Amino acid sequence: MNADQIKQLIAAGLACDHITLEGDGRHWYAVVVSAAFEGKRAIARHQQVYATLGDRMKNDEIHALSIKAFTPAEWAAQPAA
């Protein structure tokens, strides 16, 4: 799978304000911003993102995915890089 395909899967399953995805084809790093994360702990947020990918993590289409999940307010409070 490529970055665009993974981003499309996440966006199709979760209303997102922002998604970035980087990786080497096996190991991926995602930043996902969604109001759906409001009031949820990090593990629940990650589970929501993983759920959008279905069995693709289990069958190794996506080997590894590291996620930083933010609410829109948390994202807005991030320092500029």
C-alpha atoms as a PDB file:
ATOM      1  CA  MET A   1       0.000   0.000   0.000  1.00  0.00           C
ATOM      2  CA  ASN A   2       1.115   3.543  -0.587  1.00  0.00           C
ATOM      3  CA  ALA A   3       0.584   6.689   1.496  1.00  0.00           C
ATOM      4  CA  ASP A   4      -2.354   7.956  -0.565  1.00  0.00           C
ATOM      5  CA  GLN A   5      -4.215   4.656  -0.235  1.00  0.00           C
ATOM      6  CA  ILE A   6      -3.747   4.578   3.535  1.00  0.00           C
ATOM      7  CA  LYS A   7      -4.810   8.229   3.895  1.00  0.00           C
ATOM      8  CA  GLN A   8      -7.949   7.492   1.842  1.00  0.00           C
ATOM      9  CA  LEU A   9      -8.833   4.547   4.085  1.00  0.00           C
ATOM     10  CA  ILE A  10      -8.433   6.615   7.234  1.00  0.00           C
ATOM     11  CA  ALA A  11     -10.414   9.545   5.804  1.00  0.00           C
ATOM     12  CA  ALA A  12     -13.191   7.217   4.591  1.00  0.00           C
ATOM     13  CA  GLY A  13     -13.638   5.736   8.060  1.00  0.00           C
ATOM     14  CA  LEU A  14     -13.031   8.763  10.260  1.00  0.00           C
ATOM     15  CA  ALA A  15     -13.980  12.414   9.793  1.00  0.00           C
ATOM     16  CA  CYS A  16     -10.568  14.122   9.830  1.00  0.00           C
ATOM     17  CA  ASP A  17      -9.518  17.744   9.788  1.00  0.00           C
ATOM     18  CA  HIS A  18      -5.940  16.823   8.878  1.00  0.00           C
ATOM     19  CA  ILE A  19      -3.950  13.716   7.955  1.00  0.00           C
ATOM     20  CA  THR A  20      -0.275  13.420   7.159  1.00  0.00           C
ATOM     21  CA  LEU A  21       1.393  10.116   6.428  1.00  0.00           C
ATOM     22  CA  GLU A  22       5.038   9.353   5.860  1.00  0.00           C
ATOM     23  CA  GLY A  23       6.875   6.087   5.581  1.00  0.00           C
ATOM     24  CA  ASP A  24       8.952   3.678   3.608  1.00  0.00           C
ATOM     25  CA  GLY A  25       6.227   1.329   2.399  1.00  0.00           C
ATOM     26  CA  ARG A  26       6.377  -0.909   5.487  1.00  0.00           C
ATOM     27  CA  HIS A  27       6.703   1.456   8.444  1.00  0.00           C
ATOM     28  CA  TRP A  28       4.313   4.400   8.489  1.00  0.00           C
ATOM     29  CA  TYR A  29       4.019   7.516  10.669  1.00  0.00           C
ATOM     30  CA  ALA A  30       0.653   9.264  10.775  1.00  0.00           C
ATOM     31  CA  VAL A  31      -0.655  12.486  12.258  1.00  0.00           C
ATOM     32  CA  VAL A  32      -4.437  12.427  12.423  1.00  0.00           C
ATOM     33  CA  VAL A  33      -6.587  15.324  13.621  1.00  0.00           C
ATOM     34  CA  SER A  34     -10.253  14.604  14.287  1.00  0.00           C
ATOM     35  CA  ALA A  35     -13.039  15.956  16.471  1.00  0.00           C
ATOM     36  CA  ALA A  36     -13.991  12.294  16.995  1.00  0.00           C
ATOM     37  CA  PHE A  37     -11.050  12.080  19.418  1.00  0.00           C
ATOM     38  CA  GLU A  38     -12.624  14.553  21.867  1.00  0.00           C
ATOM     39  CA  GLY A  39     -12.699  13.112  25.395  1.00  0.00           C
ATOM     40  CA  LYS A  40     -10.832   9.935  24.401  1.00  0.00           C
ATOM     41  CA  ARG A  41      -7.529   8.648  25.695  1.00  0.00           C
ATOM     42  CA  ALA A  42      -4.646   7.908  23.330  1.00  0.00           C
ATOM     43  CA  ILE A  43      -5.342   4.161  23.122  1.00  0.00           C
ATOM     44  CA  ALA A  44      -8.975   4.741  22.113  1.00  0.00           C
ATOM     45  CA  ARG A  45      -7.870   7.250  19.484  1.00  0.00           C
ATOM     46  CA  HIS A  46      -5.380   4.785  18.035  1.00  0.00           C
ATOM     47  CA  GLN A  47      -8.015   2.059  18.001  1.00  0.00           C
ATOM     48  CA  GLN A  48     -10.302   4.350  16.000  1.00  0.00           C
ATOM     49  CA  VAL A  49      -7.589   4.876  13.394  1.00  0.00           C
ATOM     50  CA  TYR A  50      -6.683   1.175  13.264  1.00  0.00           C
ATOM     51  CA  ALA A  51     -10.374   0.319  12.787  1.00  0.00           C
ATOM     52  CA  THR A  52     -10.413   2.324   9.550  1.00  0.00           C
ATOM     53  CA  LEU A  53      -7.738   0.007   8.154  1.00  0.00           C
ATOM     54  CA  GLY A  54      -9.688  -3.198   8.736  1.00  0.00           C
ATOM     55  CA  ASP A  55      -7.586  -6.356   8.417  1.00  0.00           C
ATOM     56  CA  ARG A  56      -4.762  -4.633   6.560  1.00  0.00           C
ATOM     57  CA  MET A  57      -2.652  -4.538   9.729  1.00  0.00           C
ATOM     58  CA  LYS A  58      -3.335  -8.209  10.469  1.00  0.00           C
ATOM     59  CA  ASN A  59      -2.530  -9.478   6.977  1.00  0.00           C
ATOM     60  CA  ASP A  60       0.647  -7.343   6.771  1.00  0.00           C
ATOM     61  CA  GLU A  61      -0.474  -5.031   3.965  1.00  0.00           C
ATOM     62  CA  ILE A  62       0.494  -2.368   6.493  1.00  0.00           C
ATOM     63  CA  HIS A  63       3.348  -3.698   8.610  1.00  0.00           C
ATOM     64  CA  ALA A  64       3.629  -0.908  11.186  1.00  0.00           C
ATOM     65  CA  LEU A  65       1.802   2.346  11.842  1.00  0.00           C
ATOM     66  CA  SER A  66       2.838   4.898  14.450  1.00  0.00           C
ATOM     67  CA  ILE A  67       0.033   7.364  15.191  1.00  0.00           C
ATOM     68  CA  LYS A  68      -0.106  10.819  16.732  1.00  0.00           C
ATOM     69  CA  ALA A  69      -3.795  11.595  17.206  1.00  0.00           C
ATOM     70  CA  PHE A  70      -5.000  15.084  18.094  1.00  0.00           C
ATOM     71  CA  THR A  71      -8.299  16.878  18.545  1.00  0.00           C
ATOM     72  CA  PRO A  72      -8.555  20.087  16.505  1.00  0.00           C
ATOM     73  CA  ALA A  73      -7.884  22.181  19.638  1.00  0.00           C
ATOM     74  CA  GLU A  74      -4.827  20.106  20.552  1.00  0.00           C
ATOM     75  CA  TRP A  75      -3.545  20.412  16.981  1.00  0.00           C
ATOM     76  CA  ALA A  76      -4.021  24.183  16.998  1.00  0.00           C
ATOM     77  CA  ALA A  77      -2.003  24.380  20.231  1.00  0.00           C
ATOM     78  CA  GLN A  78       0.991  22.536  18.718  1.00  0.00           C
ATOM     79  CA  PRO A  79       4.072  24.711  18.314  1.00  0.00           C
ATOM     80  CA  ALA A  80       4.978  25.554  14.728  1.00  0.00           C
ATOM     81  CA  ALA A  81       7.830  23.432  13.427  1.00  0.00           C
END
